[in-house]
Amino acid sequence: MLNLRFSEEELAAQRDHIVSFIQDTVAAAGADGAVLGLSGGVDSTTTAYLAVEALGKENVRGLVLPAAVSSDANMSDAERVAETLDIEYDTIEIGPIVDELVDAIPDADGSTVAVGNARARLRGVVNYYVANEENRIVLGTGNKAEALTGYFTKYGDQAVDCNPIGNLYKQQVRQLAAYMGAADDLAEKEATAELWEDQTDAQEMGVDYDTVDAVIALHIEGGASTSATARELGIPEEDVETVRGLYEVSEHKRHMPPAPSELRL
C-alpha cells in the first residue's frame, strides 16, 4: 500500500508544529489547559502525548468515558495512557446517562445507530462540562482519514475546539505515536469507535485504514482517476469508489449547518 510515512526530520517538524498549535489555541482562548477523551486508541493516545508536551502534565485532564459496549481492554489502555503520562483523569460511566435519555424519549426503540451516536454526543457533553468548569479547551482526536470519510459522529466526537492531528493520515498518526513514546501495542492497535458491540472502523467503512489513506492521497486529494488509483494501489476499483462515496456523502459534516442565502427585500 502507499507509503505516507514521514522522514525523521519531517516527523520532528510535525511534532513541533502540532505542539505549537495546541499552545497557541489554548492561549488564544484564555484557557488554563485542555481536556480530552481517552479511548485507549492510537488517536487519543497520540493527542494526549502531544498535549502533555505542549502544556505540561499538570494542565491536561483526561476523561475515560466507558459505556456498556466498551471493552475492559480498551478502558484499561485508556487509563494506562493517563497513568503513563501522569495526568489527572476521571473514569465516568456514561451508560446510565444514555439509558436515561433513551427511556425519556417516547416510543424510542433503542436503534443501534441512534444509541451509538447518542453515546458519542453525550461524551462530548461531559467533555465540555468539565472544560467549562475548569476553564479548559476540548481537544479533538480525529485524523484526516476520519474527517474526509465522515467517520465521526456529528456533534459527538467532533464537538471539540480543535483537532491537533486532523491533518495526519492514520498511517502517520501511528508513526507519530511511536515517535512520541507510546507503547507499540497502542500505536498499532486496531481502530474501533466502540459505539456498539464488536464494532471496528474497517468493518463499518468497508475498507481498512491503509486503503482509505492511500485513496484519499491519490484520488480525493491527488486527483488521480478511479482506474489509475486502483492500478497504482493494486486494489479493486470498487474500493476506490467506496472511499469516494464516503467522502461525498459526508460533505455536510465538514461545514457549518447551512442556512438559506440572504434574501434582500
Protein backbone atom coordinates (compact mmCIF):
# COMPACT_ATOMS: atom_id res chain seq x y z
CA MET A 1 0.00 0.00 0.00
CA LEU A 2 1.06 3.63 -0.43
CA ASN A 3 3.80 4.69 1.98
CA LEU A 4 2.80 8.03 3.52
CA ARG A 5 5.24 7.91 6.41
CA PHE A 6 7.32 10.95 7.30
CA SER A 7 11.09 11.12 7.32
CA GLU A 8 12.69 11.59 10.75
CA GLU A 9 13.15 15.30 10.02
CA GLU A 10 9.54 15.69 8.88
CA LEU A 11 8.29 13.79 11.90
CA ALA A 12 10.10 16.12 14.29
CA ALA A 13 8.76 19.14 12.40
CA GLN A 14 5.21 17.78 12.58
CA ARG A 15 5.51 17.22 16.32
CA ASP A 16 6.82 20.75 16.90
CA HIS A 17 4.15 22.23 14.64
CA ILE A 18 1.30 20.48 16.46
CA VAL A 19 2.72 21.29 19.88
CA SER A 20 2.86 24.99 18.93
CA PHE A 21 -0.69 24.78 17.58
CA ILE A 22 -2.01 23.41 20.88
CA GLN A 23 -0.16 26.08 22.85
CA ASP A 24 -1.45 28.87 20.60
CA THR A 25 -5.03 27.57 20.70
CA VAL A 26 -5.08 27.41 24.50
CA ALA A 27 -3.51 30.87 24.78
CA ALA A 28 -5.93 32.42 22.28
CA ALA A 29 -8.87 31.04 24.26
CA GLY A 30 -7.50 32.41 27.53
CA ALA A 31 -7.79 28.87 28.88
CA ASP A 32 -5.91 27.20 31.69
CA GLY A 33 -5.33 23.91 29.91
CA ALA A 34 -7.06 21.17 27.95
CA VAL A 35 -9.44 18.25 28.37
CA LEU A 36 -9.60 15.24 26.09
CA GLY A 37 -11.41 11.95 25.99
CA LEU A 38 -9.19 8.87 26.29
CA SER A 39 -10.45 5.79 24.47
CA GLY A 40 -7.35 3.61 24.56
CA GLY A 41 -6.94 4.01 20.79
CA VAL A 42 -3.99 5.41 18.89
CA ASP A 43 -5.62 8.76 18.05
CA SER A 44 -6.46 9.80 21.61
CA THR A 45 -3.15 8.37 22.81
CA THR A 46 -1.14 10.43 20.33
CA THR A 47 -3.14 13.55 21.11
CA ALA A 48 -2.57 13.07 24.84
CA TYR A 49 1.19 12.75 24.37
CA LEU A 50 1.25 15.91 22.23
CA ALA A 51 -0.90 17.80 24.74
CA VAL A 52 1.40 16.95 27.63
CA GLU A 53 4.43 18.09 25.64
CA ALA A 54 2.64 21.32 24.73
CA LEU A 55 1.06 22.22 28.06
CA GLY A 56 2.73 20.15 30.77
CA LYS A 57 1.07 17.24 32.52
CA GLU A 58 -0.48 19.49 35.17
CA ASN A 59 -2.53 21.29 32.51
CA VAL A 60 -4.01 18.24 30.76
CA ARG A 61 -7.09 16.42 32.05
CA GLY A 62 -8.13 13.03 30.69
CA LEU A 63 -11.66 11.63 30.70
CA VAL A 64 -12.29 7.91 30.33
CA LEU A 65 -15.97 7.55 29.44
CA PRO A 66 -16.99 3.88 29.16
CA ALA A 67 -20.42 2.63 28.19
CA ALA A 68 -21.93 -0.85 28.23
CA VAL A 69 -20.26 -1.76 24.92
CA SER A 70 -16.79 -0.52 25.93
CA SER A 71 -14.29 -3.33 26.28
CA ASP A 72 -12.36 -3.71 29.51
CA ALA A 73 -9.15 -3.88 27.48
CA ASN A 74 -9.72 -0.52 25.80
CA MET A 75 -10.70 1.19 29.04
CA SER A 76 -7.63 -0.30 30.72
CA ASP A 77 -5.48 1.04 27.88
CA ALA A 78 -7.05 4.48 28.26
CA GLU A 79 -6.22 4.53 31.96
CA ARG A 80 -2.72 3.21 31.20
CA VAL A 81 -2.09 6.20 28.92
CA ALA A 82 -3.19 8.65 31.62
CA GLU A 83 -1.05 6.92 34.24
CA THR A 84 1.99 6.72 31.95
CA LEU A 85 1.74 10.44 31.23
CA ASP A 86 0.93 11.14 34.91
CA ILE A 87 -2.04 13.33 34.04
CA GLU A 88 -5.14 13.77 36.17
CA TYR A 89 -8.04 11.72 34.86
CA ASP A 90 -11.52 10.57 35.78
CA THR A 91 -13.42 7.47 34.74
CA ILE A 92 -17.11 8.29 34.33
CA GLU A 93 -19.66 5.68 33.30
CA ILE A 94 -21.97 7.20 30.67
CA GLY A 95 -24.19 4.13 30.36
CA PRO A 96 -26.74 5.32 32.94
CA ILE A 97 -26.95 8.72 31.21
CA VAL A 98 -27.59 7.04 27.85
CA ASP A 99 -30.23 4.81 29.42
CA GLU A 100 -31.99 7.83 30.93
CA LEU A 101 -32.01 9.54 27.54
CA VAL A 102 -33.47 6.54 25.71
CA ASP A 103 -36.07 5.97 28.45
CA ALA A 104 -37.11 9.62 28.27
CA ILE A 105 -37.91 9.51 24.53
CA PRO A 106 -41.46 8.32 23.81
CA ASP A 107 -41.57 5.22 21.60
CA ALA A 108 -37.76 5.01 21.35
CA ASP A 109 -36.80 1.51 20.22
CA GLY A 110 -33.12 1.69 21.10
CA SER A 111 -31.86 1.74 17.50
CA THR A 112 -28.21 0.60 17.38
CA VAL A 113 -27.09 3.61 15.37
CA ALA A 114 -29.17 6.14 17.31
CA VAL A 115 -27.93 4.86 20.66
CA GLY A 116 -24.35 4.63 19.38
CA ASN A 117 -24.43 8.24 18.21
CA ALA A 118 -26.02 9.28 21.49
CA ARG A 119 -23.06 7.77 23.33
CA ALA A 120 -20.66 9.85 21.24
CA ARG A 121 -22.69 13.02 21.76
CA LEU A 122 -23.01 12.50 25.50
CA ARG A 123 -19.25 12.07 25.73
CA GLY A 124 -18.99 15.48 24.08
CA VAL A 125 -21.35 16.93 26.67
CA VAL A 126 -19.24 15.53 29.51
CA ASN A 127 -16.02 16.82 27.91
CA TYR A 128 -17.44 20.31 27.65
CA TYR A 129 -18.93 20.28 31.11
CA VAL A 130 -15.50 19.57 32.60
CA ALA A 131 -13.84 22.05 30.25
CA ASN A 132 -16.28 24.80 31.24
CA GLU A 133 -15.90 24.04 34.95
CA GLU A 134 -12.11 24.26 34.74
CA ASN A 135 -11.60 26.91 32.02
CA ARG A 136 -10.05 24.45 29.58
CA ILE A 137 -10.47 23.77 25.89
CA VAL A 138 -11.58 20.42 24.48
CA LEU A 139 -9.02 18.69 22.28
CA GLY A 140 -10.38 16.53 19.49
CA THR A 141 -8.66 13.32 18.49
CA GLY A 142 -9.81 12.96 14.87
CA ASN A 143 -7.41 12.34 11.99
CA LYS A 144 -7.57 13.19 8.28
CA ALA A 145 -8.87 9.78 7.21
CA GLU A 146 -11.82 10.10 9.59
CA ALA A 147 -12.51 13.71 8.63
CA LEU A 148 -12.60 13.06 4.89
CA THR A 149 -14.71 9.91 5.10
CA GLY A 150 -17.12 11.35 7.67
CA TYR A 151 -16.18 8.63 10.13
CA PHE A 152 -17.25 10.59 13.17
CA THR A 153 -20.50 11.49 14.88
CA LYS A 154 -21.78 14.93 14.05
CA TYR A 155 -21.82 16.95 17.29
CA GLY A 156 -20.24 13.96 19.01
CA ASP A 157 -16.54 13.16 18.78
CA GLN A 158 -16.14 16.22 16.56
CA ALA A 159 -17.77 18.53 19.12
CA VAL A 160 -14.36 19.95 20.01
CA ASP A 161 -12.36 23.16 19.98
CA CYS A 162 -9.57 21.90 17.73
CA ASN A 163 -8.15 18.75 16.14
CA PRO A 164 -4.38 18.63 16.71
CA ILE A 165 -3.87 15.54 14.49
CA GLY A 166 -6.57 16.48 11.97
CA ASN A 167 -4.09 16.88 9.11
CA LEU A 168 -2.47 13.46 9.57
CA TYR A 169 -3.35 10.22 7.83
CA LYS A 170 -3.91 7.24 10.10
CA GLN A 171 -0.58 5.78 9.00
CA GLN A 172 1.14 8.98 10.07
CA VAL A 173 -0.68 9.06 13.42
CA ARG A 174 0.63 5.57 14.19
CA GLN A 175 4.14 6.69 13.26
CA LEU A 176 3.89 9.82 15.42
CA ALA A 177 2.54 7.79 18.35
CA ALA A 178 5.60 5.57 18.32
CA TYR A 179 7.88 8.60 17.90
CA MET A 180 6.31 10.26 20.95
CA GLY A 181 6.97 7.16 23.04
CA ALA A 182 3.60 5.39 23.06
CA ALA A 183 3.70 1.63 23.57
CA ASP A 184 3.82 -0.45 20.38
CA ASP A 185 0.57 -2.24 21.18
CA LEU A 186 -1.21 1.12 21.36
CA ALA A 187 0.41 2.56 18.23
CA GLU A 188 -0.62 -0.48 16.14
CA LYS A 189 -3.97 -1.21 17.77
CA GLU A 190 -6.99 -1.98 15.56
CA ALA A 191 -9.30 1.02 15.48
CA THR A 192 -12.82 0.94 16.90
CA ALA A 193 -15.18 3.70 17.94
CA GLU A 194 -16.99 1.17 20.19
CA LEU A 195 -20.34 2.78 19.53
CA TRP A 196 -21.88 -0.69 19.58
CA GLU A 197 -20.69 -4.19 20.41
CA ASP A 198 -17.93 -5.75 18.26
CA GLN A 199 -17.70 -2.70 16.02
CA THR A 200 -14.48 -1.97 14.12
CA ASP A 201 -13.77 1.03 11.92
CA ALA A 202 -12.67 -1.08 8.95
CA GLN A 203 -15.76 -3.26 9.11
CA GLU A 204 -18.09 -0.27 9.18
CA MET A 205 -16.31 1.67 6.42
CA GLY A 206 -15.87 -1.39 4.22
CA VAL A 207 -12.13 -0.84 3.74
CA ASP A 208 -9.11 -0.69 6.03
CA TYR A 209 -7.31 2.50 7.00
CA ASP A 210 -4.27 1.87 4.78
CA THR A 211 -6.65 1.76 1.81
CA VAL A 212 -8.55 4.84 3.00
CA ASP A 213 -5.31 6.80 3.43
CA ALA A 214 -4.00 5.80 0.02
CA VAL A 215 -7.22 6.52 -1.87
CA ILE A 216 -7.57 9.92 -0.19
CA ALA A 217 -3.97 10.82 -1.04
CA LEU A 218 -4.09 9.68 -4.68
CA HIS A 219 -7.72 10.07 -5.70
CA ILE A 220 -9.51 12.55 -3.42
CA GLU A 221 -6.66 14.98 -2.85
CA GLY A 222 -4.30 13.95 -5.66
CA GLY A 223 -6.84 13.93 -8.47
CA ALA A 224 -5.90 10.56 -9.97
CA SER A 225 -8.71 8.75 -11.74
CA THR A 226 -10.52 5.79 -10.23
CA SER A 227 -8.83 3.33 -12.58
CA ALA A 228 -5.37 4.86 -12.15
CA THR A 229 -5.72 4.80 -8.36
CA ALA A 230 -6.86 1.18 -8.39
CA ARG A 231 -3.95 0.15 -10.66
CA GLU A 232 -1.37 2.03 -8.59
CA LEU A 233 -2.58 0.52 -5.32
CA GLY A 234 -3.42 -2.93 -6.64
CA ILE A 235 -6.99 -2.80 -5.31
CA PRO A 236 -10.41 -3.22 -6.94
CA GLU A 237 -11.99 -0.08 -8.38
CA GLU A 238 -14.92 -0.78 -6.04
CA ASP A 239 -12.68 0.06 -3.07
CA VAL A 240 -11.80 3.42 -4.60
CA GLU A 241 -15.48 4.09 -5.22
CA THR A 242 -16.31 3.12 -1.63
CA VAL A 243 -13.92 5.71 -0.23
CA ARG A 244 -15.09 8.36 -2.69
CA GLY A 245 -18.69 7.60 -1.75
CA LEU A 246 -17.89 8.07 1.94
CA TYR A 247 -16.19 11.38 1.12
CA GLU A 248 -19.10 12.68 -0.96
CA VAL A 249 -21.93 11.64 1.35
CA SER A 250 -20.21 13.15 4.40
CA GLU A 251 -19.58 16.58 2.85
CA HIS A 252 -22.19 18.17 5.14
CA LYS A 253 -20.23 17.06 8.21
CA ARG A 254 -17.28 19.25 7.26
CA HIS A 255 -19.21 22.52 7.19
CA MET A 256 -21.29 24.67 9.47
CA PRO A 257 -25.03 23.91 9.22
CA PRO A 258 -26.38 25.61 6.07
CA ALA A 259 -28.83 28.46 6.01
CA PRO A 260 -30.76 29.90 3.06
CA SER A 261 -28.97 32.53 1.02
CA GLU A 262 -29.66 36.04 2.28
CA LEU A 263 -32.89 37.43 0.86
CA ARG A 264 -32.80 41.19 0.21
CA LEU A 265 -36.21 42.80 0.05
